[in-house]
């Protein structure tokens, strides 16, 4: 019984910490957005998605996990843009050089892009 209680307690703690981190990110984003609004805000911002594969390899993760994490970070940046009133965003996510990768990796990247863009469109 003690083991089960400890496991439930650890699970509760992880959930609580995750919730606190999420709330801190939101509060930080709002705080920084308010500071940035004091100056000129651009009408258009561009992001270059680069280094997701290297990031994953450095952490012994699958390449797909690196690309998925990169999308998560992009999503966070897009939230910042909305908070700041930036409504035009360009994302450079795939270069001509990327087609030199294996056909499997190119297909996986295209599928990931399709899935994540659909997810983003549904979220608003």
Foldseek 3Di string as FASTA:
>chain_A
DVVVVVVVVVVVVVVVVVVVVVVVLVVVLLVVLVVVLVDDDDQEEEEEQDDLQVVQVVVVHHSLVSVVVSLVVVVSVVVSCVSNVRDHYHYHYDDPVNVVDDPVVVVSVVVVVVVSVVVVVVVD
